Amino acid sequence: MTLRVSNAARSAAADAVRLLIDAGAGAGKIRVYNGSQPAGPDTALSGQTLLAEFTLADPSFGAASNGVTTLLGTPRTTTGVAAGTASWFRALDSNNVAILDGAVSTSSAELNLNTTTISIGVNVEITAGTITMPA
């Protein structure tokens, strides 16, 4: 049999993740990288380059509904710190504890940017972001 989770449980799980991102004295952050996404947020980086870092709103995400929580305060803008093609992101709390990793694109990803081509000193913008717990 396949494990199936209720919408209430999915929403509670998504809310728990968003609260971890908001942990600490300050706002959480999202770091955008190039290269291959590691196995998970507990895996150290190896060969990826930090392209941009965003400070999130505090709270970072809204209350979950049907297992989905949506990033608040978008669009969010920062400038590129290195040049490259964004392929994934890592969300961290204000103490730099990694919480989750996800895909980056210009649409239909966990984190959507206005462009995946990042340049040093040039603005890049988060246009949308979600955390979705599987059913």
C-alpha atoms as a PDB file:
ATOM      1  CA  MET A   1       0.000   0.000   0.000  1.00  0.00           C
ATOM      2  CA  THR A   2       1.042   3.583  -0.612  1.00  0.00           C
ATOM      3  CA  LEU A   3       1.383   6.024   2.263  1.00  0.00           C
ATOM      4  CA  ARG A   4      -1.056   8.906   1.928  1.00  0.00           C
ATOM      5  CA  VAL A   5      -1.131  12.017   4.094  1.00  0.00           C
ATOM      6  CA  SER A   6      -4.104  14.255   4.874  1.00  0.00           C
ATOM      7  CA  ASN A   7      -4.159  17.906   3.831  1.00  0.00           C
ATOM      8  CA  ALA A   8      -4.069  18.860   7.519  1.00  0.00           C
ATOM      9  CA  ALA A   9      -0.894  16.818   8.038  1.00  0.00           C
ATOM     10  CA  ARG A  10       0.683  18.201   4.859  1.00  0.00           C
ATOM     11  CA  SER A  11      -0.083  21.748   5.971  1.00  0.00           C
ATOM     12  CA  ALA A  12       1.313  21.089   9.456  1.00  0.00           C
ATOM     13  CA  ALA A  13       4.526  19.771   7.888  1.00  0.00           C
ATOM     14  CA  ALA A  14       4.846  22.803   5.598  1.00  0.00           C
ATOM     15  CA  ASP A  15       4.213  25.118   8.558  1.00  0.00           C
ATOM     16  CA  ALA A  16       6.905  23.317  10.576  1.00  0.00           C
ATOM     17  CA  VAL A  17       9.445  23.897   7.790  1.00  0.00           C
ATOM     18  CA  ARG A  18       8.571  27.589   7.453  1.00  0.00           C
ATOM     19  CA  LEU A  19       8.948  28.029  11.220  1.00  0.00           C
ATOM     20  CA  LEU A  20      12.439  26.508  11.027  1.00  0.00           C
ATOM     21  CA  ILE A  21      13.394  29.070   8.361  1.00  0.00           C
ATOM     22  CA  ASP A  22      12.107  31.825  10.662  1.00  0.00           C
ATOM     23  CA  ALA A  23      14.070  30.479  13.663  1.00  0.00           C
ATOM     24  CA  GLY A  24      16.732  32.672  15.218  1.00  0.00           C
ATOM     25  CA  ALA A  25      16.827  36.341  16.063  1.00  0.00           C
ATOM     26  CA  GLY A  26      16.682  37.659  12.497  1.00  0.00           C
ATOM     27  CA  ALA A  27      15.165  36.900   9.127  1.00  0.00           C
ATOM     28  CA  GLY A  28      15.971  33.727   7.209  1.00  0.00           C
ATOM     29  CA  LYS A  29      17.728  33.798   3.880  1.00  0.00           C
ATOM     30  CA  ILE A  30      17.877  32.091   0.535  1.00  0.00           C
ATOM     31  CA  ARG A  31      21.180  31.423  -1.201  1.00  0.00           C
ATOM     32  CA  VAL A  32      21.143  30.721  -4.925  1.00  0.00           C
ATOM     33  CA  TYR A  33      23.846  28.514  -6.454  1.00  0.00           C
ATOM     34  CA  ASN A  34      25.000  27.096  -9.753  1.00  0.00           C
ATOM     35  CA  GLY A  35      26.062  23.510 -10.330  1.00  0.00           C
ATOM     36  CA  SER A  36      24.544  20.271  -9.106  1.00  0.00           C
ATOM     37  CA  GLN A  37      22.177  20.335  -6.167  1.00  0.00           C
ATOM     38  CA  PRO A  38      23.574  18.282  -3.252  1.00  0.00           C
ATOM     39  CA  ALA A  39      21.727  15.274  -1.834  1.00  0.00           C
ATOM     40  CA  GLY A  40      20.071  17.534   0.749  1.00  0.00           C
ATOM     41  CA  PRO A  41      20.534  20.508   3.065  1.00  0.00           C
ATOM     42  CA  ASP A  42      22.687  18.438   5.438  1.00  0.00           C
ATOM     43  CA  THR A  43      25.178  17.790   2.619  1.00  0.00           C
ATOM     44  CA  ALA A  44      28.133  20.172   2.384  1.00  0.00           C
ATOM     45  CA  LEU A  45      28.672  22.136  -0.800  1.00  0.00           C
ATOM     46  CA  SER A  46      31.215  20.762  -3.240  1.00  0.00           C
ATOM     47  CA  GLY A  47      32.057  22.809  -6.318  1.00  0.00           C
ATOM     48  CA  GLN A  48      28.956  25.019  -6.341  1.00  0.00           C
ATOM     49  CA  THR A  49      29.280  28.805  -6.437  1.00  0.00           C
ATOM     50  CA  LEU A  50      27.117  31.186  -4.443  1.00  0.00           C
ATOM     51  CA  LEU A  51      25.551  33.505  -7.027  1.00  0.00           C
ATOM     52  CA  ALA A  52      23.167  35.564  -4.878  1.00  0.00           C
ATOM     53  CA  GLU A  53      21.830  35.799  -1.332  1.00  0.00           C
ATOM     54  CA  PHE A  54      18.389  37.117  -0.402  1.00  0.00           C
ATOM     55  CA  THR A  55      17.286  38.174   3.062  1.00  0.00           C
ATOM     56  CA  LEU A  56      13.697  37.063   3.512  1.00  0.00           C
ATOM     57  CA  ALA A  57      10.758  38.814   5.110  1.00  0.00           C
ATOM     58  CA  ASP A  58      10.216  37.840   8.745  1.00  0.00           C
ATOM     59  CA  PRO A  59       8.010  35.774   8.712  1.00  0.00           C
ATOM     60  CA  SER A  60       9.285  34.293   5.479  1.00  0.00           C
ATOM     61  CA  PHE A  61       6.279  32.237   4.350  1.00  0.00           C
ATOM     62  CA  GLY A  62       2.547  32.438   4.978  1.00  0.00           C
ATOM     63  CA  ALA A  63       0.428  29.844   6.768  1.00  0.00           C
ATOM     64  CA  ALA A  64       0.098  26.634   4.770  1.00  0.00           C
ATOM     65  CA  SER A  65      -3.052  25.523   3.012  1.00  0.00           C
ATOM     66  CA  ASN A  66      -3.440  22.094   1.394  1.00  0.00           C
ATOM     67  CA  GLY A  67       0.234  21.409   2.124  1.00  0.00           C
ATOM     68  CA  VAL A  68       1.538  24.539   0.392  1.00  0.00           C
ATOM     69  CA  THR A  69       3.090  27.632   1.964  1.00  0.00           C
ATOM     70  CA  THR A  70       3.955  30.667  -0.158  1.00  0.00           C
ATOM     71  CA  LEU A  71       6.925  33.008   0.159  1.00  0.00           C
ATOM     72  CA  LEU A  72       5.950  36.423   1.516  1.00  0.00           C
ATOM     73  CA  GLY A  73       7.344  39.782   0.475  1.00  0.00           C
ATOM     74  CA  THR A  74       7.893  39.063  -3.189  1.00  0.00           C
ATOM     75  CA  PRO A  75       9.314  40.370  -5.314  1.00  0.00           C
ATOM     76  CA  ARG A  76      12.597  40.404  -3.338  1.00  0.00           C
ATOM     77  CA  THR A  77      15.662  41.918  -4.958  1.00  0.00           C
ATOM     78  CA  THR A  78      19.388  41.554  -4.365  1.00  0.00           C
ATOM     79  CA  THR A  79      22.519  41.825  -6.491  1.00  0.00           C
ATOM     80  CA  GLY A  80      24.606  39.006  -7.848  1.00  0.00           C
ATOM     81  CA  VAL A  81      27.838  38.200  -5.987  1.00  0.00           C
ATOM     82  CA  ALA A  82      29.193  35.916  -8.727  1.00  0.00           C
ATOM     83  CA  ALA A  83      28.410  35.210 -12.363  1.00  0.00           C
ATOM     84  CA  GLY A  84      26.744  31.986 -13.440  1.00  0.00           C
ATOM     85  CA  THR A  85      23.529  30.145 -14.180  1.00  0.00           C
ATOM     86  CA  ALA A  86      21.299  29.588 -11.148  1.00  0.00           C
ATOM     87  CA  SER A  87      20.145  25.996 -10.799  1.00  0.00           C
ATOM     88  CA  TRP A  88      19.168  25.477  -7.139  1.00  0.00           C
ATOM     89  CA  PHE A  89      18.736  27.247  -3.802  1.00  0.00           C
ATOM     90  CA  ARG A  90      19.244  26.623  -0.114  1.00  0.00           C
ATOM     91  CA  ALA A  91      16.997  28.205   2.544  1.00  0.00           C
ATOM     92  CA  LEU A  92      18.636  28.921   5.895  1.00  0.00           C
ATOM     93  CA  ASP A  93      17.543  30.379   9.205  1.00  0.00           C
ATOM     94  CA  SER A  94      19.143  33.553  10.577  1.00  0.00           C
ATOM     95  CA  ASN A  95      21.863  31.427  12.247  1.00  0.00           C
ATOM     96  CA  ASN A  96      22.854  29.975   8.846  1.00  0.00           C
ATOM     97  CA  VAL A  97      21.403  26.538   9.612  1.00  0.00           C
ATOM     98  CA  ALA A  98      20.380  24.905   6.333  1.00  0.00           C
ATOM     99  CA  ILE A  99      16.685  23.988   6.279  1.00  0.00           C
ATOM    100  CA  LEU A 100      15.826  22.973   2.718  1.00  0.00           C
ATOM    101  CA  ASP A 101      17.098  22.902  -0.852  1.00  0.00           C
ATOM    102  CA  GLY A 102      15.048  23.297  -4.003  1.00  0.00           C
ATOM    103  CA  ALA A 103      14.984  23.978  -7.707  1.00  0.00           C
ATOM    104  CA  VAL A 104      15.361  27.417  -9.305  1.00  0.00           C
ATOM    105  CA  SER A 105      13.880  28.513 -12.625  1.00  0.00           C
ATOM    106  CA  THR A 106      11.982  31.433 -14.093  1.00  0.00           C
ATOM    107  CA  SER A 107       8.664  29.560 -13.693  1.00  0.00           C
ATOM    108  CA  SER A 108       7.199  26.351 -12.255  1.00  0.00           C
ATOM    109  CA  ALA A 109       9.976  25.773  -9.694  1.00  0.00           C
ATOM    110  CA  GLU A 110      10.055  25.958  -5.913  1.00  0.00           C
ATOM    111  CA  LEU A 111      11.864  29.296  -6.342  1.00  0.00           C
ATOM    112  CA  ASN A 112      11.208  31.463  -9.380  1.00  0.00           C
ATOM    113  CA  LEU A 113      13.607  34.231 -10.367  1.00  0.00           C
ATOM    114  CA  ASN A 114      13.276  36.916 -13.007  1.00  0.00           C
ATOM    115  CA  THR A 115      16.351  35.362 -14.652  1.00  0.00           C
ATOM    116  CA  THR A 116      18.630  32.401 -14.013  1.00  0.00           C
ATOM    117  CA  THR A 117      21.582  34.238 -15.563  1.00  0.00           C
ATOM    118  CA  ILE A 118      23.237  35.972 -12.605  1.00  0.00           C
ATOM    119  CA  SER A 119      25.919  38.658 -13.022  1.00  0.00           C
ATOM    120  CA  ILE A 120      28.077  40.368 -10.421  1.00  0.00           C
ATOM    121  CA  GLY A 121      26.473  43.577  -9.159  1.00  0.00           C
ATOM    122  CA  VAL A 122      23.362  43.194 -11.330  1.00  0.00           C
ATOM    123  CA  ASN A 123      19.919  42.971  -9.718  1.00  0.00           C
ATOM    124  CA  VAL A 124      18.203  39.603  -9.524  1.00  0.00           C
ATOM    125  CA  GLU A 125      14.693  39.159  -8.187  1.00  0.00           C
ATOM    126  CA  ILE A 126      12.677  36.385  -6.559  1.00  0.00           C
ATOM    127  CA  THR A 127       9.281  36.518  -8.244  1.00  0.00           C
ATOM    128  CA  ALA A 128       7.670  33.621  -6.326  1.00  0.00           C
ATOM    129  CA  GLY A 129       8.445  30.740  -4.014  1.00  0.00           C
ATOM    130  CA  THR A 130       6.581  27.839  -2.434  1.00  0.00           C
ATOM    131  CA  ILE A 131       7.136  24.897  -0.145  1.00  0.00           C
ATOM    132  CA  THR A 132       4.867  21.994  -1.082  1.00  0.00           C
ATOM    133  CA  MET A 133       4.574  18.848   1.030  1.00  0.00           C
ATOM    134  CA  PRO A 134       3.798  15.688  -0.931  1.00  0.00           C
ATOM    135  CA  ALA A 135       0.467  13.939  -0.555  1.00  0.00           C
END
